[in-house]
Amino acid sequence: MRISIIGLLLGIVLFVLPVPGTFIAGGLVLVAGALARWFGL
């Protein structure tokens, strides 16, 4: 799997967890995964 796909999947999982703080962390990981996808990683 590509690094960007792993980042996007991990971001989605963190985003939907009902634990305080994971909402923001999930959003940041999603953005990082999207940037990695944009730059071809």
Protein backbone atom coordinates (compact mmCIF):
# COMPACT_ATOMS: atom_id res chain seq x y z
CA MET A 1 0.00 0.00 0.00
CA ARG A 2 1.09 3.54 -0.64
CA ILE A 3 1.98 5.81 2.27
CA SER A 4 -0.76 8.25 1.29
CA ILE A 5 -3.45 5.56 1.35
CA ILE A 6 -2.33 4.37 4.78
CA GLY A 7 -2.38 7.97 6.01
CA LEU A 8 -5.88 8.56 4.68
CA LEU A 9 -7.23 5.35 6.22
CA LEU A 10 -5.59 6.05 9.57
CA GLY A 11 -6.98 9.58 9.51
CA ILE A 12 -10.51 8.32 8.90
CA VAL A 13 -10.23 5.82 11.77
CA LEU A 14 -8.93 8.47 14.16
CA PHE A 15 -11.55 10.97 12.99
CA VAL A 16 -14.50 8.72 13.88
CA LEU A 17 -13.20 7.41 17.22
CA PRO A 18 -15.27 8.76 20.14
CA VAL A 19 -12.16 9.59 22.19
CA PRO A 20 -11.30 13.22 23.06
CA GLY A 21 -8.48 14.59 20.93
CA THR A 22 -8.72 12.07 18.12
CA PHE A 23 -11.03 14.36 16.11
CA ILE A 24 -8.27 16.93 15.64
CA ALA A 25 -5.54 14.30 15.24
CA GLY A 26 -7.63 12.49 12.63
CA GLY A 27 -8.15 15.71 10.72
CA LEU A 28 -4.42 16.45 10.75
CA VAL A 29 -3.57 12.93 9.58
CA LEU A 30 -6.17 13.24 6.80
CA VAL A 31 -4.58 16.49 5.65
CA ALA A 32 -1.11 14.91 5.75
CA GLY A 33 -2.36 11.91 3.76
CA ALA A 34 -4.00 14.18 1.20
CA LEU A 35 -0.77 16.18 0.82
CA ALA A 36 1.21 12.95 0.45
CA ARG A 37 -1.25 11.85 -2.23
CA TRP A 38 -0.91 15.23 -3.97
CA PHE A 39 2.90 14.96 -4.05
CA GLY A 40 2.80 11.34 -5.24
CA LEU A 41 3.98 9.41 -2.18
